């Protein structure tokens, strides 16, 4: 099977600044990638390319066998699941959790005059159960906790059976319990062979779920290191990327931790 994402000699330039530069990256269907790097490294911009929300200034981006700039992005985007804090702000606070997830079938936020089939309702209900949200399906999105809202976003992102799932800091701002619950759910999803290729941006190695196979470190808009996760998430690589001497440990379950020396 062909790669789901191929970036070649890619650059994104804004106001003369190279936000991303010299990016060469391939994501295959069976891979689960985590992207780390300091603030301003270009992580969110990279996800914006991968979600077909912006075009590269230089180089090429091929998503699901479609080249950006030569394809209809409105037909391409529904094939990509995307969850981010910025997107959550577009969800009406009075929308029920069930409708937040189900409206993904029409790629809209806020239910209006769409006609949904029974299969849409059944799938939304099943996805809510998988992400431990079934008991909240009639609650208003705006009344949920941060952890519940994060899980609702992810449930919406997987509602349409995407071929690529993108997660921008899914555990940001969560308390310890909510973070661990979400990381556990993401780990189970990542280890399911039926799940799509995944790319997750995070600031903390502690938030990397078990089951993720590859990692990328971005620094200054360039790839500092990329490859199998155990080869990338090392003390030397993280210290170089973040400009601080760090040590890295791994638990028996495969979870990472990092701290300054």
Protein backbone atom coordinates (compact mmCIF):
# COMPACT_ATOMS: atom_id res chain seq x y z
CA UNK A 1 0.00 0.00 0.00
CA UNK A 2 1.27 3.48 -0.90
CA UNK A 3 2.23 6.10 1.68
CA UNK A 4 -0.57 8.20 3.15
CA UNK A 5 1.64 11.28 3.35
CA UNK A 6 4.75 12.26 1.40
CA UNK A 7 6.45 15.64 1.83
CA UNK A 8 9.35 16.41 -0.51
CA UNK A 9 11.76 19.36 -0.15
CA UNK A 10 8.91 21.22 1.51
CA UNK A 11 9.05 24.76 2.84
CA UNK A 12 6.47 27.15 4.29
CA UNK A 13 7.46 30.82 4.16
CA UNK A 14 5.53 33.62 5.90
CA UNK A 15 6.66 37.26 5.76
CA UNK A 16 10.09 36.13 4.64
CA UNK A 17 10.45 33.66 7.53
CA UNK A 18 10.92 29.98 6.80
CA UNK A 19 8.48 28.38 9.24
CA UNK A 20 9.34 24.98 7.75
CA UNK A 21 12.32 24.28 5.53
CA UNK A 22 13.80 21.26 3.78
CA UNK A 23 11.13 18.85 5.04
CA UNK A 24 11.30 15.33 3.61
CA UNK A 25 8.93 12.93 5.35
CA UNK A 26 6.94 9.80 4.53
CA UNK A 27 4.13 8.32 6.64
CA UNK A 28 2.97 4.79 5.81
CA UNK A 29 -0.49 3.37 6.63
CA UNK A 30 0.65 1.17 9.51
CA UNK A 31 2.74 3.87 11.24
CA UNK A 32 1.88 5.99 14.29
CA UNK A 33 4.03 9.11 14.54
CA UNK A 34 4.60 11.54 17.37
CA UNK A 35 6.10 14.99 16.68
CA UNK A 36 7.93 16.92 19.38
CA UNK A 37 9.95 20.11 19.46
CA UNK A 38 10.23 23.48 21.20
CA UNK A 39 7.66 26.24 20.79
CA UNK A 40 7.93 27.79 17.34
CA UNK A 41 9.53 24.69 15.82
CA UNK A 42 6.80 24.41 13.16
CA UNK A 43 4.81 21.48 14.55
CA UNK A 44 1.34 22.97 14.09
CA UNK A 45 2.27 24.27 10.64
CA UNK A 46 3.33 20.76 9.68
CA UNK A 47 -0.07 19.43 10.77
CA UNK A 48 -1.77 22.20 8.79
CA UNK A 49 -0.04 20.87 5.67
CA UNK A 50 -0.93 17.26 6.56
CA UNK A 51 -4.59 18.22 7.03
CA UNK A 52 -4.73 20.05 3.66
CA UNK A 53 -5.51 23.34 5.40
CA UNK A 54 -2.52 25.19 3.94
CA UNK A 55 -0.30 24.67 0.89
CA UNK A 56 3.49 24.57 0.89
CA UNK A 57 5.39 27.57 -0.43
CA UNK A 58 8.05 25.31 -1.93
CA UNK A 59 8.28 21.59 -2.60
CA UNK A 60 5.37 19.16 -2.72
CA UNK A 61 2.87 17.52 -0.39
CA UNK A 62 1.06 14.35 -1.46
CA UNK A 63 -1.81 13.32 0.84
CA UNK A 64 -3.63 10.03 0.22
CA UNK A 65 -2.27 9.96 -3.35
CA UNK A 66 -3.49 13.51 -4.03
CA UNK A 67 -1.03 16.36 -4.58
CA UNK A 68 -1.84 19.64 -2.85
CA UNK A 69 -2.38 22.35 -5.43
CA UNK A 70 -3.69 19.88 -7.99
CA UNK A 71 -6.66 18.39 -6.16
CA UNK A 72 -9.97 19.49 -4.63
CA UNK A 73 -9.14 19.86 -0.93
CA UNK A 74 -12.85 19.85 -0.07
CA UNK A 75 -13.03 16.27 -1.28
CA UNK A 76 -9.70 15.38 0.34
CA UNK A 77 -10.27 16.77 3.84
CA UNK A 78 -13.14 14.43 4.80
CA UNK A 79 -10.69 11.51 4.37
CA UNK A 80 -8.50 13.00 7.12
CA UNK A 81 -9.49 13.04 10.79
CA UNK A 82 -8.24 16.13 12.64
CA UNK A 83 -8.59 17.16 16.28
CA UNK A 84 -7.14 20.35 17.72
CA UNK A 85 -7.91 22.99 20.33
CA UNK A 86 -8.36 25.57 17.58
CA UNK A 87 -10.97 23.39 15.90
CA UNK A 88 -12.81 22.86 19.20
CA UNK A 89 -13.50 26.62 19.37
CA UNK A 90 -15.65 26.24 16.22
CA UNK A 91 -17.97 23.71 17.87
CA UNK A 92 -21.17 25.35 19.24
CA UNK A 93 -21.27 25.05 23.00
CA UNK A 94 -24.96 24.09 22.98
CA UNK A 95 -24.45 21.18 20.56
CA UNK A 96 -25.04 17.75 22.08
CA UNK A 97 -22.10 15.37 22.24
CA UNK A 98 -23.91 12.95 19.91
CA UNK A 99 -24.44 15.68 17.31
CA UNK A 100 -20.85 16.93 17.61
CA UNK A 101 -19.70 13.48 16.57
CA UNK A 102 -22.44 12.73 14.04
CA UNK A 103 -22.06 16.01 12.10
CA UNK A 104 -18.62 14.81 11.05
CA UNK A 105 -20.48 12.76 8.42
CA UNK A 106 -21.23 16.08 6.64
CA UNK A 107 -17.98 17.79 7.69
CA UNK A 108 -19.94 20.54 9.46
CA UNK A 109 -19.96 21.89 13.00
CA UNK A 110 -23.42 22.56 14.32
CA UNK A 111 -26.38 20.47 13.25
CA UNK A 112 -28.77 22.21 10.87
CA UNK A 113 -30.87 20.58 8.09
CA UNK A 114 -28.71 17.54 7.30
CA UNK A 115 -30.40 14.17 6.82
CA UNK A 116 -28.69 11.40 8.75
CA UNK A 117 -29.22 7.71 8.13
CA UNK A 118 -29.65 5.13 10.86
CA UNK A 119 -26.15 3.92 10.03
CA UNK A 120 -24.77 7.38 10.95
CA UNK A 121 -26.53 7.33 14.31
CA UNK A 122 -25.39 3.79 15.07
CA UNK A 123 -21.80 4.54 14.14
CA UNK A 124 -21.75 7.72 16.24
CA UNK A 125 -23.14 5.81 19.21
CA UNK A 126 -20.53 3.07 18.79
CA UNK A 127 -17.67 5.58 18.53
CA UNK A 128 -18.88 7.37 21.66
CA UNK A 129 -18.80 4.07 23.55
CA UNK A 130 -15.26 3.33 22.32
CA UNK A 131 -14.06 6.66 23.73
CA UNK A 132 -16.05 6.28 27.00
CA UNK A 133 -18.50 9.04 26.11
CA UNK A 134 -21.74 7.11 25.61
CA UNK A 135 -23.10 8.26 28.98
CA UNK A 136 -22.59 11.88 27.87
CA UNK A 137 -24.23 11.75 24.45
CA UNK A 138 -27.09 14.08 25.45
CA UNK A 139 -24.87 16.57 27.30
CA UNK A 140 -24.04 19.95 25.74
CA UNK A 141 -20.47 20.23 24.49
CA UNK A 142 -19.91 23.47 26.38
CA UNK A 143 -20.68 21.82 29.73
CA UNK A 144 -18.02 19.11 29.38
CA UNK A 145 -14.70 19.02 31.21
CA UNK A 146 -11.49 19.55 29.23
CA UNK A 147 -10.84 15.82 29.15
CA UNK A 148 -14.36 15.05 27.94
CA UNK A 149 -14.11 17.72 25.25
CA UNK A 150 -10.77 16.31 24.06
CA UNK A 151 -12.23 12.81 23.79
CA UNK A 152 -15.30 14.17 21.98
CA UNK A 153 -13.04 15.85 19.40
CA UNK A 154 -11.17 12.60 18.80
CA UNK A 155 -14.42 10.64 18.55
CA UNK A 156 -15.59 13.13 15.92
CA UNK A 157 -12.28 12.80 14.08
CA UNK A 158 -12.62 8.99 13.80
CA UNK A 159 -16.37 9.04 13.04
CA UNK A 160 -15.84 8.92 9.26
CA UNK A 161 -13.25 6.11 9.29
CA UNK A 162 -10.41 8.42 8.17
CA UNK A 163 -7.38 7.16 6.29
CA UNK A 164 -5.14 9.50 8.32
CA UNK A 165 -5.74 10.74 11.88
CA UNK A 166 -4.04 13.95 13.04
CA UNK A 167 -4.02 15.03 16.70
CA UNK A 168 -2.65 18.42 17.75
CA UNK A 169 -1.71 18.30 21.46
CA UNK A 170 -4.67 16.11 22.50
CA UNK A 171 -3.58 15.98 26.16
CA UNK A 172 -2.75 19.69 26.58
CA UNK A 173 -4.20 21.32 29.72
CA UNK A 174 -5.53 18.03 31.13
CA UNK A 175 -5.09 17.06 34.77
CA UNK A 176 -3.12 13.90 35.57
CA UNK A 177 -6.13 11.60 35.72
CA UNK A 178 -7.69 12.89 32.50
CA UNK A 179 -4.34 12.75 30.73
CA UNK A 180 -3.70 9.15 31.72
CA UNK A 181 -7.21 8.10 30.72
CA UNK A 182 -6.79 9.71 27.29
CA UNK A 183 -3.27 8.35 26.76
CA UNK A 184 -4.55 4.87 27.61
CA UNK A 185 -7.42 5.15 25.10
CA UNK A 186 -5.07 6.48 22.42
CA UNK A 187 -2.65 3.63 23.11
CA UNK A 188 -5.38 1.02 22.65
CA UNK A 189 -6.49 2.72 19.43
CA UNK A 190 -2.93 2.95 18.11
CA UNK A 191 -2.36 -0.76 18.69
CA UNK A 192 -5.49 -1.77 16.78
CA UNK A 193 -4.36 -2.92 13.31
CA UNK A 194 -7.64 -1.59 11.88
CA UNK A 195 -6.79 1.97 12.93
CA UNK A 196 -5.52 4.46 10.33
CA UNK A 197 -2.08 6.02 10.19
CA UNK A 198 -1.72 8.49 13.06
CA UNK A 199 0.31 11.66 13.61
CA UNK A 200 0.23 13.34 17.03
CA UNK A 201 1.89 16.56 18.13
CA UNK A 202 2.80 16.90 21.80
CA UNK A 203 5.18 18.87 24.01
CA UNK A 204 5.81 16.08 26.51
CA UNK A 205 7.25 12.59 26.03
CA UNK A 206 5.07 11.47 28.96
CA UNK A 207 2.05 11.95 26.69
CA UNK A 208 3.26 9.49 24.04
CA UNK A 209 0.86 6.51 24.07
CA UNK A 210 2.06 2.94 23.93
CA UNK A 211 1.77 1.66 20.36
CA UNK A 212 3.32 4.67 18.65
CA UNK A 213 5.99 3.44 16.27
CA UNK A 214 7.87 6.51 15.00
CA UNK A 215 8.92 9.94 16.19
CA UNK A 216 10.11 13.22 14.73
CA UNK A 217 11.95 16.03 16.49
CA UNK A 218 11.52 19.47 14.91
CA UNK A 219 13.73 22.42 15.75
CA UNK A 220 13.88 25.74 13.92
CA UNK A 221 11.53 24.52 11.21
CA UNK A 222 13.78 21.60 10.27
CA UNK A 223 13.73 17.92 11.06
CA UNK A 224 16.41 17.30 13.63
CA UNK A 225 15.74 13.56 13.90
CA UNK A 226 13.09 11.17 12.56
CA UNK A 227 12.60 7.41 12.51
CA UNK A 228 11.68 4.49 14.79
CA UNK A 229 10.60 5.89 18.13
CA UNK A 230 13.29 4.20 20.28
CA UNK A 231 16.02 5.65 18.03
CA UNK A 232 14.63 9.20 18.16
CA UNK A 233 13.43 9.64 21.75
CA UNK A 234 16.88 9.61 23.34
CA UNK A 235 18.64 11.90 25.80
CA UNK A 236 21.07 13.16 23.17
CA UNK A 237 18.39 13.93 20.57
CA UNK A 238 16.03 15.63 23.01
CA UNK A 239 18.86 17.64 24.58
CA UNK A 240 19.87 18.92 21.14
CA UNK A 241 16.31 19.76 20.11
CA UNK A 242 15.40 21.61 23.32
CA UNK A 243 18.80 23.14 24.08
CA UNK A 244 18.89 21.68 27.58
CA UNK A 245 20.65 18.67 29.03
CA UNK A 246 17.95 16.03 29.52
CA UNK A 247 17.78 12.41 30.56
CA UNK A 248 15.18 9.96 29.25
CA UNK A 249 13.77 6.86 30.89
CA UNK A 250 11.37 4.18 29.66
CA UNK A 251 8.95 2.20 31.81
CA UNK A 252 8.28 -1.52 31.55
CA UNK A 253 5.08 -0.67 29.67
CA UNK A 254 6.95 1.39 27.06
CA UNK A 255 6.02 4.86 28.32
CA UNK A 256 8.67 7.61 28.19
CA UNK A 257 9.69 10.21 30.77
CA UNK A 258 12.19 13.06 30.54
CA UNK A 259 13.75 15.44 33.05
CA UNK A 260 16.55 17.97 33.18
CA UNK A 261 19.86 16.71 34.48
